[in-house]
Amino acid sequence: MANRTNQLLIPEARAALEQLKYEVAQELGIQLPQDGYYGHMTTRDMGSIGGSITRRLVQMAEQQIMSRR
C-alpha cells in the first residue's frame, strides 16, 4: 500500500475533491470502483482523471484571478 505524503491545506476540501473525481470519471466514461480500491484501474485511466482534475482546478483558479481584477 502506498504511503500518502500529500496533505491538503484545507482538510474540508477533501469532499469537494472526491466529488470532482467522480464527476470527471463519469465525463470520461471511466467506472470507478465502489469499494475505493483502485489497484485494478489502469494507469492510463487514472492519469486521465488526474490530468482532467488538474486542468479543471487551474481553470477555476484562473477564473477567480480574473474576477478579482
PDB file of N, CA and C in Angstrom:
ATOM      1  N   MET A   1       0.846  -1.167   0.000  1.00  0.00           N
ATOM      2  CA  MET A   1       0.000   0.000   0.000  1.00  0.00           C
ATOM      3  C   MET A   1       0.898   1.239   0.000  1.00  0.00           C
ATOM      4  N   ALA A   2       0.511   2.238  -0.750  1.00  0.00           N
ATOM      5  CA  ALA A   2       1.299   3.452  -0.859  1.00  0.00           C
ATOM      6  C   ALA A   2       1.068   4.353   0.345  1.00  0.00           C
ATOM      7  N   ASN A   3       2.125   5.012   0.760  1.00  0.00           N
ATOM      8  CA  ASN A   3       2.006   5.993   1.830  1.00  0.00           C
ATOM      9  C   ASN A   3       1.631   7.340   1.234  1.00  0.00           C
ATOM     10  N   ARG A   4       0.645   7.981   1.799  1.00  0.00           N
ATOM     11  CA  ARG A   4       0.234   9.305   1.333  1.00  0.00           C
ATOM     12  C   ARG A   4       1.057  10.346   2.070  1.00  0.00           C
ATOM     13  N   THR A   5       1.768  11.164   1.324  1.00  0.00           N
ATOM     14  CA  THR A   5       2.541  12.230   1.940  1.00  0.00           C
ATOM     15  C   THR A   5       1.934  13.592   1.645  1.00  0.00           C
ATOM     16  N   ASN A   6       1.020  13.668   0.674  1.00  0.00           N
ATOM     17  CA  ASN A   6       0.386  14.936   0.362  1.00  0.00           C
ATOM     18  C   ASN A   6      -0.697  15.222   1.389  1.00  0.00           C
ATOM     19  N   GLN A   7      -0.674  16.429   1.902  1.00  0.00           N
ATOM     20  CA  GLN A   7      -1.704  16.833   2.846  1.00  0.00           C
ATOM     21  C   GLN A   7      -2.414  18.052   2.283  1.00  0.00           C
ATOM     22  N   LEU A   8      -3.721  18.073   2.415  1.00  0.00           N
ATOM     23  CA  LEU A   8      -4.493  19.206   1.945  1.00  0.00           C
ATOM     24  C   LEU A   8      -4.272  20.386   2.885  1.00  0.00           C
ATOM     25  N   LEU A   9      -4.127  21.575   2.311  1.00  0.00           N
ATOM     26  CA  LEU A   9      -4.001  22.765   3.136  1.00  0.00           C
ATOM     27  C   LEU A   9      -5.317  23.078   3.834  1.00  0.00           C
ATOM     28  N   ILE A  10      -6.415  22.726   3.165  1.00  0.00           N
ATOM     29  CA  ILE A  10      -7.743  22.913   3.735  1.00  0.00           C
ATOM     30  C   ILE A  10      -8.399  21.535   3.782  1.00  0.00           C
ATOM     31  N   PRO A  11      -8.364  20.863   4.935  1.00  0.00           N
ATOM     32  CA  PRO A  11      -8.890  19.499   5.024  1.00  0.00           C
ATOM     33  C   PRO A  11     -10.355  19.375   4.597  1.00  0.00           C
ATOM     34  N   GLU A  12     -11.129  20.442   4.745  1.00  0.00           N
ATOM     35  CA  GLU A  12     -12.541  20.406   4.373  1.00  0.00           C
ATOM     36  C   GLU A  12     -12.719  20.266   2.859  1.00  0.00           C
ATOM     37  N   ALA A  13     -11.657  20.490   2.095  1.00  0.00           N
ATOM     38  CA  ALA A  13     -11.727  20.402   0.638  1.00  0.00           C
ATOM     39  C   ALA A  13     -11.740  18.956   0.143  1.00  0.00           C
ATOM     40  N   ARG A  14     -11.450  18.012   1.006  1.00  0.00           N
ATOM     41  CA  ARG A  14     -11.366  16.605   0.590  1.00  0.00           C
ATOM     42  C   ARG A  14     -12.666  16.115  -0.054  1.00  0.00           C
ATOM     43  N   ALA A  15     -13.790  16.453   0.531  1.00  0.00           N
ATOM     44  CA  ALA A  15     -15.082  16.009  -0.013  1.00  0.00           C
ATOM     45  C   ALA A  15     -15.318  16.603  -1.397  1.00  0.00           C
ATOM     46  N   ALA A  16     -14.970  17.870  -1.576  1.00  0.00           N
ATOM     47  CA  ALA A  16     -15.151  18.523  -2.876  1.00  0.00           C
ATOM     48  C   ALA A  16     -14.246  17.878  -3.924  1.00  0.00           C
ATOM     49  N   LEU A  17     -13.029  17.536  -3.546  1.00  0.00           N
ATOM     50  CA  LEU A  17     -12.108  16.891  -4.483  1.00  0.00           C
ATOM     51  C   LEU A  17     -12.580  15.484  -4.839  1.00  0.00           C
ATOM     52  N   GLU A  18     -13.128  14.766  -3.882  1.00  0.00           N
ATOM     53  CA  GLU A  18     -13.675  13.431  -4.158  1.00  0.00           C
ATOM     54  C   GLU A  18     -14.842  13.534  -5.133  1.00  0.00           C
ATOM     55  N   GLN A  19     -15.716  14.506  -4.919  1.00  0.00           N
ATOM     56  CA  GLN A  19     -16.853  14.711  -5.808  1.00  0.00           C
ATOM     57  C   GLN A  19     -16.366  15.054  -7.208  1.00  0.00           C
ATOM     58  N   LEU A  20     -15.346  15.899  -7.294  1.00  0.00           N
ATOM     59  CA  LEU A  20     -14.781  16.280  -8.591  1.00  0.00           C
ATOM     60  C   LEU A  20     -14.211  15.056  -9.303  1.00  0.00           C
ATOM     61  N   LYS A  21     -13.562  14.177  -8.554  1.00  0.00           N
ATOM     62  CA  LYS A  21     -13.002  12.965  -9.142  1.00  0.00           C
ATOM     63  C   LYS A  21     -14.093  12.108  -9.784  1.00  0.00           C
ATOM     64  N   TYR A  22     -15.202  11.942  -9.091  1.00  0.00           N
ATOM     65  CA  TYR A  22     -16.293  11.138  -9.631  1.00  0.00           C
ATOM     66  C   TYR A  22     -16.951  11.811 -10.833  1.00  0.00           C
ATOM     67  N   GLU A  23     -17.089  13.141 -10.793  1.00  0.00           N
ATOM     68  CA  GLU A  23     -17.656  13.868 -11.931  1.00  0.00           C
ATOM     69  C   GLU A  23     -16.788  13.713 -13.172  1.00  0.00           C
ATOM     70  N   VAL A  24     -15.484  13.892 -13.002  1.00  0.00           N
ATOM     71  CA  VAL A  24     -14.555  13.785 -14.129  1.00  0.00           C
ATOM     72  C   VAL A  24     -14.556  12.369 -14.684  1.00  0.00           C
ATOM     73  N   ALA A  25     -14.523  11.381 -13.810  1.00  0.00           N
ATOM     74  CA  ALA A  25     -14.527   9.989 -14.259  1.00  0.00           C
ATOM     75  C   ALA A  25     -15.788   9.687 -15.061  1.00  0.00           C
ATOM     76  N   GLN A  26     -16.916  10.199 -14.606  1.00  0.00           N
ATOM     77  CA  GLN A  26     -18.171   9.969 -15.324  1.00  0.00           C
ATOM     78  C   GLN A  26     -18.130  10.641 -16.700  1.00  0.00           C
ATOM     79  N   GLU A  27     -17.611  11.859 -16.760  1.00  0.00           N
ATOM     80  CA  GLU A  27     -17.497  12.560 -18.042  1.00  0.00           C
ATOM     81  C   GLU A  27     -16.602  11.805 -19.025  1.00  0.00           C
ATOM     82  N   LEU A  28     -15.562  11.170 -18.483  1.00  0.00           N
ATOM     83  CA  LEU A  28     -14.629  10.425 -19.330  1.00  0.00           C
ATOM     84  C   LEU A  28     -15.115   9.011 -19.622  1.00  0.00           C
ATOM     85  N   GLY A  29     -16.198   8.598 -18.986  1.00  0.00           N
ATOM     86  CA  GLY A  29     -16.721   7.257 -19.193  1.00  0.00           C
ATOM     87  C   GLY A  29     -15.922   6.184 -18.482  1.00  0.00           C
ATOM     88  N   ILE A  30     -15.290   6.553 -17.379  1.00  0.00           N
ATOM     89  CA  ILE A  30     -14.474   5.621 -16.604  1.00  0.00           C
ATOM     90  C   ILE A  30     -15.240   5.251 -15.346  1.00  0.00           C
ATOM     91  N   GLN A  31     -15.397   3.971 -15.107  1.00  0.00           N
ATOM     92  CA  GLN A  31     -16.114   3.474 -13.929  1.00  0.00           C
ATOM     93  C   GLN A  31     -15.134   3.343 -12.761  1.00  0.00           C
ATOM     94  N   LEU A  32     -15.387   4.085 -11.695  1.00  0.00           N
ATOM     95  CA  LEU A  32     -14.556   3.983 -10.505  1.00  0.00           C
ATOM     96  C   LEU A  32     -15.111   2.891  -9.595  1.00  0.00           C
ATOM     97  N   PRO A  33     -14.228   2.137  -8.932  1.00  0.00           N
ATOM     98  CA  PRO A  33     -14.705   1.067  -8.049  1.00  0.00           C
ATOM     99  C   PRO A  33     -15.429   1.626  -6.830  1.00  0.00           C
ATOM    100  N   GLN A  34     -16.524   1.007  -6.468  1.00  0.00           N
ATOM    101  CA  GLN A  34     -17.326   1.459  -5.330  1.00  0.00           C
ATOM    102  C   GLN A  34     -16.638   1.194  -3.990  1.00  0.00           C
ATOM    103  N   ASP A  35     -15.757   0.194  -3.965  1.00  0.00           N
ATOM    104  CA  ASP A  35     -15.102  -0.147  -2.698  1.00  0.00           C
ATOM    105  C   ASP A  35     -13.898   0.741  -2.392  1.00  0.00           C
ATOM    106  N   GLY A  36     -13.525   1.636  -3.322  1.00  0.00           N
ATOM    107  CA  GLY A  36     -12.418   2.552  -3.083  1.00  0.00           C
ATOM    108  C   GLY A  36     -11.050   1.977  -3.381  1.00  0.00           C
ATOM    109  N   TYR A  37     -10.980   0.735  -3.833  1.00  0.00           N
ATOM    110  CA  TYR A  37      -9.691   0.118  -4.158  1.00  0.00           C
ATOM    111  C   TYR A  37      -9.393   0.356  -5.636  1.00  0.00           C
ATOM    112  N   TYR A  38      -8.341   1.106  -5.904  1.00  0.00           N
ATOM    113  CA  TYR A  38      -8.010   1.482  -7.277  1.00  0.00           C
ATOM    114  C   TYR A  38      -6.911   0.615  -7.882  1.00  0.00           C
ATOM    115  N   GLY A  39      -6.553  -0.462  -7.224  1.00  0.00           N
ATOM    116  CA  GLY A  39      -5.470  -1.325  -7.685  1.00  0.00           C
ATOM    117  C   GLY A  39      -5.728  -1.993  -9.023  1.00  0.00           C
ATOM    118  N   HIS A  40      -6.984  -2.113  -9.407  1.00  0.00           N
ATOM    119  CA  HIS A  40      -7.309  -2.754 -10.679  1.00  0.00           C
ATOM    120  C   HIS A  40      -7.522  -1.745 -11.805  1.00  0.00           C
ATOM    121  N   MET A  41      -7.368  -0.464 -11.495  1.00  0.00           N
ATOM    122  CA  MET A  41      -7.541   0.583 -12.504  1.00  0.00           C
ATOM    123  C   MET A  41      -6.259   0.699 -13.324  1.00  0.00           C
ATOM    124  N   THR A  42      -6.415   1.049 -14.596  1.00  0.00           N
ATOM    125  CA  THR A  42      -5.231   1.211 -15.428  1.00  0.00           C
ATOM    126  C   THR A  42      -4.586   2.568 -15.151  1.00  0.00           C
ATOM    127  N   THR A  43      -3.291   2.611 -15.369  1.00  0.00           N
ATOM    128  CA  THR A  43      -2.550   3.854 -15.193  1.00  0.00           C
ATOM    129  C   THR A  43      -3.070   4.918 -16.144  1.00  0.00           C
ATOM    130  N   ARG A  44      -3.416   4.522 -17.349  1.00  0.00           N
ATOM    131  CA  ARG A  44      -3.945   5.478 -18.336  1.00  0.00           C
ATOM    132  C   ARG A  44      -5.238   6.112 -17.841  1.00  0.00           C
ATOM    133  N   ASP A  45      -6.154   5.303 -17.316  1.00  0.00           N
ATOM    134  CA  ASP A  45      -7.418   5.841 -16.821  1.00  0.00           C
ATOM    135  C   ASP A  45      -7.204   6.782 -15.640  1.00  0.00           C
ATOM    136  N   MET A  46      -6.381   6.363 -14.695  1.00  0.00           N
ATOM    137  CA  MET A  46      -6.135   7.205 -13.522  1.00  0.00           C
ATOM    138  C   MET A  46      -5.424   8.494 -13.917  1.00  0.00           C
ATOM    139  N   GLY A  47      -4.504   8.411 -14.874  1.00  0.00           N
ATOM    140  CA  GLY A  47      -3.822   9.608 -15.365  1.00  0.00           C
ATOM    141  C   GLY A  47      -4.771  10.549 -16.072  1.00  0.00           C
ATOM    142  N   SER A  48      -5.712   9.990 -16.806  1.00  0.00           N
ATOM    143  CA  SER A  48      -6.714  10.819 -17.485  1.00  0.00           C
ATOM    144  C   SER A  48      -7.567  11.563 -16.478  1.00  0.00           C
ATOM    145  N   ILE A  49      -7.954  10.872 -15.433  1.00  0.00           N
ATOM    146  CA  ILE A  49      -8.765  11.503 -14.394  1.00  0.00           C
ATOM    147  C   ILE A  49      -7.953  12.596 -13.698  1.00  0.00           C
ATOM    148  N   GLY A  50      -6.742  12.278 -13.292  1.00  0.00           N
ATOM    149  CA  GLY A  50      -5.901  13.255 -12.601  1.00  0.00           C
ATOM    150  C   GLY A  50      -5.583  14.469 -13.462  1.00  0.00           C
ATOM    151  N   GLY A  51      -5.297  14.241 -14.733  1.00  0.00           N
ATOM    152  CA  GLY A  51      -5.000  15.347 -15.639  1.00  0.00           C
ATOM    153  C   GLY A  51      -6.205  16.242 -15.841  1.00  0.00           C
ATOM    154  N   SER A  52      -7.369  15.645 -15.964  1.00  0.00           N
ATOM    155  CA  SER A  52      -8.591  16.427 -16.142  1.00  0.00           C
ATOM    156  C   SER A  52      -8.924  17.229 -14.884  1.00  0.00           C
ATOM    157  N   ILE A  53      -8.698  16.632 -13.735  1.00  0.00           N
ATOM    158  CA  ILE A  53      -8.924  17.350 -12.480  1.00  0.00           C
ATOM    159  C   ILE A  53      -7.982  18.548 -12.396  1.00  0.00           C
ATOM    160  N   THR A  54      -6.726  18.336 -12.729  1.00  0.00           N
ATOM    161  CA  THR A  54      -5.746  19.417 -12.688  1.00  0.00           C
ATOM    162  C   THR A  54      -6.136  20.544 -13.631  1.00  0.00           C
ATOM    163  N   ARG A  55      -6.524  20.193 -14.859  1.00  0.00           N
ATOM    164  CA  ARG A  55      -6.944  21.220 -15.812  1.00  0.00           C
ATOM    165  C   ARG A  55      -8.127  22.009 -15.282  1.00  0.00           C
ATOM    166  N   ARG A  56      -9.090  21.306 -14.693  1.00  0.00           N
ATOM    167  CA  ARG A  56     -10.280  21.984 -14.178  1.00  0.00           C
ATOM    168  C   ARG A  56      -9.929  22.894 -13.002  1.00  0.00           C
ATOM    169  N   LEU A  57      -9.051  22.433 -12.101  1.00  0.00           N
ATOM    170  CA  LEU A  57      -8.659  23.264 -10.960  1.00  0.00           C
ATOM    171  C   LEU A  57      -7.898  24.504 -11.415  1.00  0.00           C
ATOM    172  N   VAL A  58      -7.034  24.358 -12.411  1.00  0.00           N
ATOM    173  CA  VAL A  58      -6.311  25.513 -12.939  1.00  0.00           C
ATOM    174  C   VAL A  58      -7.289  26.494 -13.572  1.00  0.00           C
ATOM    175  N   GLN A  59      -8.253  25.980 -14.317  1.00  0.00           N
ATOM    176  CA  GLN A  59      -9.257  26.831 -14.951  1.00  0.00           C
ATOM    177  C   GLN A  59     -10.056  27.589 -13.879  1.00  0.00           C
ATOM    178  N   MET A  60     -10.427  26.912 -12.802  1.00  0.00           N
ATOM    179  CA  MET A  60     -11.171  27.558 -11.726  1.00  0.00           C
ATOM    180  C   MET A  60     -10.334  28.658 -11.079  1.00  0.00           C
ATOM    181  N   ALA A  61      -9.048  28.400 -10.860  1.00  0.00           N
ATOM    182  CA  ALA A  61      -8.164  29.402 -10.258  1.00  0.00           C
ATOM    183  C   ALA A  61      -8.002  30.604 -11.184  1.00  0.00           C
ATOM    184  N   GLU A  62      -7.861  30.353 -12.475  1.00  0.00           N
ATOM    185  CA  GLU A  62      -7.730  31.451 -13.437  1.00  0.00           C
ATOM    186  C   GLU A  62      -8.987  32.312 -13.432  1.00  0.00           C
ATOM    187  N   GLN A  63     -10.150  31.681 -13.361  1.00  0.00           N
ATOM    188  CA  GLN A  63     -11.395  32.437 -13.324  1.00  0.00           C
ATOM    189  C   GLN A  63     -11.500  33.292 -12.073  1.00  0.00           C
ATOM    190  N   GLN A  64     -11.034  32.747 -10.934  1.00  0.00           N
ATOM    191  CA  GLN A  64     -11.045  33.516  -9.691  1.00  0.00           C
ATOM    192  C   GLN A  64     -10.126  34.718  -9.804  1.00  0.00           C
ATOM    193  N   ILE A  65      -8.950  34.509 -10.374  1.00  0.00           N
ATOM    194  CA  ILE A  65      -7.993  35.610 -10.509  1.00  0.00           C
ATOM    195  C   ILE A  65      -8.566  36.697 -11.410  1.00  0.00           C
ATOM    196  N   MET A  66      -9.168  36.296 -12.521  1.00  0.00           N
ATOM    197  CA  MET A  66      -9.712  37.276 -13.451  1.00  0.00           C
ATOM    198  C   MET A  66     -10.906  38.020 -12.857  1.00  0.00           C
ATOM    199  N   SER A  67     -11.687  37.380 -12.003  1.00  0.00           N
ATOM    200  CA  SER A  67     -12.857  38.044 -11.413  1.00  0.00           C
ATOM    201  C   SER A  67     -12.449  39.061 -10.360  1.00  0.00           C
ATOM    202  N   ARG A  68     -11.238  38.957  -9.843  1.00  0.00           N
ATOM    203  CA  ARG A  68     -10.750  39.896  -8.818  1.00  0.00           C
ATOM    204  C   ARG A  68     -10.217  41.179  -9.445  1.00  0.00           C
ATOM    205  N   ARG A  69      -9.992  41.185 -10.730  1.00  0.00           N
ATOM    206  CA  ARG A  69      -9.420  42.366 -11.383  1.00  0.00           C
ATOM    207  C   ARG A  69     -10.430  43.419 -11.589  1.00  0.00           C
TER     208      ARG A  69
END
